[in-house]
């Protein structure tokens, strides 16, 4: 499958969430847009930049940007899909922790995520 919204040659925009990096934030896991290479944080992260990217651009396909993961997601169909190999690198550096990036994850990150999940 290589729909029009997938560009296998587009390099990743960053080794981390480009939007979190822009404002000093942090993330839990990373997702890569298959159309343009935008790397954003997952829906378990506070900012949910990967989903925000889909809403703002209509780029519906993402691939995990985590080491050892190669799964794909189609936001429009809300389903796992298959996709082609994308341009390297295919994940964040293994030396970068998750959550990350190192030095910006607050000590109470679990509490912050739980509070958001509880709607506080």
Protein backbone atom coordinates (compact mmCIF):
# COMPACT_ATOMS: atom_id res chain seq x y z
CA UNK A 1 0.00 0.00 0.00
CA UNK A 2 1.33 3.40 -0.94
CA UNK A 3 -1.61 5.80 -0.97
CA UNK A 4 -1.13 9.36 -2.16
CA UNK A 5 -0.81 10.50 1.46
CA UNK A 6 2.34 8.45 2.02
CA UNK A 7 5.76 9.70 0.93
CA UNK A 8 8.32 6.98 1.71
CA UNK A 9 11.15 9.43 0.94
CA UNK A 10 10.14 12.11 3.49
CA UNK A 11 12.70 12.13 6.32
CA UNK A 12 11.56 12.47 9.93
CA UNK A 13 11.33 16.09 11.08
CA UNK A 14 13.21 15.48 14.31
CA UNK A 15 14.53 12.81 16.68
CA UNK A 16 11.77 13.86 19.10
CA UNK A 17 8.42 15.62 19.06
CA UNK A 18 9.18 18.74 17.07
CA UNK A 19 6.31 20.66 18.72
CA UNK A 20 7.27 19.69 22.29
CA UNK A 21 10.87 20.63 21.49
CA UNK A 22 9.70 24.06 20.31
CA UNK A 23 8.24 24.91 23.72
CA UNK A 24 10.36 22.80 26.08
CA UNK A 25 7.77 20.06 26.59
CA UNK A 26 8.13 16.32 26.98
CA UNK A 27 6.48 13.22 25.54
CA UNK A 28 5.68 9.60 26.32
CA UNK A 29 6.02 8.00 22.85
CA UNK A 30 6.59 9.29 19.33
CA UNK A 31 4.66 8.96 16.06
CA UNK A 32 5.81 9.85 12.53
CA UNK A 33 3.56 11.26 9.83
CA UNK A 34 3.88 9.16 6.67
CA UNK A 35 2.99 12.08 4.41
CA UNK A 36 5.55 14.67 5.51
CA UNK A 37 7.74 13.13 8.23
CA UNK A 38 6.40 15.29 11.09
CA UNK A 39 7.36 13.64 14.38
CA UNK A 40 4.79 14.26 17.11
CA UNK A 41 3.97 12.88 20.53
CA UNK A 42 1.37 10.16 21.07
CA UNK A 43 -2.08 10.44 22.62
CA UNK A 44 -0.70 9.23 25.96
CA UNK A 45 1.43 12.38 26.03
CA UNK A 46 0.06 15.61 27.50
CA UNK A 47 0.07 17.54 24.22
CA UNK A 48 -0.97 14.85 21.69
CA UNK A 49 0.89 16.59 18.86
CA UNK A 50 0.68 13.69 16.38
CA UNK A 51 -3.13 13.74 16.48
CA UNK A 52 -3.13 17.55 16.36
CA UNK A 53 -0.98 17.32 13.21
CA UNK A 54 -3.57 15.04 11.60
CA UNK A 55 -6.39 17.46 12.49
CA UNK A 56 -4.51 20.45 11.09
CA UNK A 57 -3.18 18.81 7.90
CA UNK A 58 -5.44 15.86 7.09
CA UNK A 59 -2.37 13.59 6.93
CA UNK A 60 -4.07 10.44 8.08
CA UNK A 61 -1.29 7.81 8.25
CA UNK A 62 1.33 7.53 10.98
CA UNK A 63 3.93 4.99 11.93
CA UNK A 64 5.35 4.42 15.39
CA UNK A 65 8.67 6.22 15.82
CA UNK A 66 9.74 4.00 18.72
CA UNK A 67 12.69 1.57 18.52
CA UNK A 68 11.58 -1.96 17.61
CA UNK A 69 8.07 -0.89 16.53
CA UNK A 70 6.90 -0.74 12.92
CA UNK A 71 3.11 -0.58 13.24
CA UNK A 72 0.96 1.87 11.29
CA UNK A 73 -2.28 3.71 12.15
CA UNK A 74 -4.89 5.34 9.93
CA UNK A 75 -6.57 8.18 11.86
CA UNK A 76 -9.45 8.45 9.39
CA UNK A 77 -10.41 4.76 9.58
CA UNK A 78 -9.29 4.43 13.23
CA UNK A 79 -7.53 1.19 12.32
CA UNK A 80 -4.15 -0.45 12.09
CA UNK A 81 -2.90 -0.60 8.49
CA UNK A 82 0.15 -1.77 6.60
CA UNK A 83 2.54 0.64 4.95
CA UNK A 84 5.82 0.77 3.06
CA UNK A 85 9.27 1.21 4.53
CA UNK A 86 9.94 4.87 5.29
CA UNK A 87 13.19 6.82 4.96
CA UNK A 88 15.72 6.35 7.75
CA UNK A 89 15.91 6.82 10.63
CA UNK A 90 12.80 4.83 11.47
CA UNK A 91 12.78 5.56 15.21
CA UNK A 92 14.02 7.90 17.88
CA UNK A 93 17.57 7.11 19.03
CA UNK A 94 17.61 4.12 21.38
CA UNK A 95 19.72 6.20 23.77
CA UNK A 96 16.83 8.67 24.16
CA UNK A 97 14.57 7.57 27.03
CA UNK A 98 10.83 7.15 26.96
CA UNK A 99 9.30 9.27 28.24
CA UNK A 100 11.69 11.85 26.94
CA UNK A 101 13.69 13.76 26.24
CA UNK A 102 16.19 13.27 28.99
CA UNK A 103 16.33 16.25 31.31
CA UNK A 104 12.83 17.58 30.53
CA UNK A 105 10.58 14.87 31.95
CA UNK A 106 9.23 16.10 35.30
CA UNK A 107 9.60 13.84 38.35
CA UNK A 108 5.79 13.74 38.71
CA UNK A 109 5.10 12.82 35.08
CA UNK A 110 2.91 9.83 36.03
CA UNK A 111 0.74 12.06 38.25
CA UNK A 112 0.40 14.63 35.46
CA UNK A 113 -0.75 11.97 32.99
CA UNK A 114 -3.19 10.48 35.51
CA UNK A 115 -4.62 13.93 36.27
CA UNK A 116 -5.16 14.61 32.58
CA UNK A 117 -6.79 11.20 32.11
CA UNK A 118 -9.10 11.96 35.05
CA UNK A 119 -10.07 15.25 33.41
CA UNK A 120 -8.39 17.52 35.92
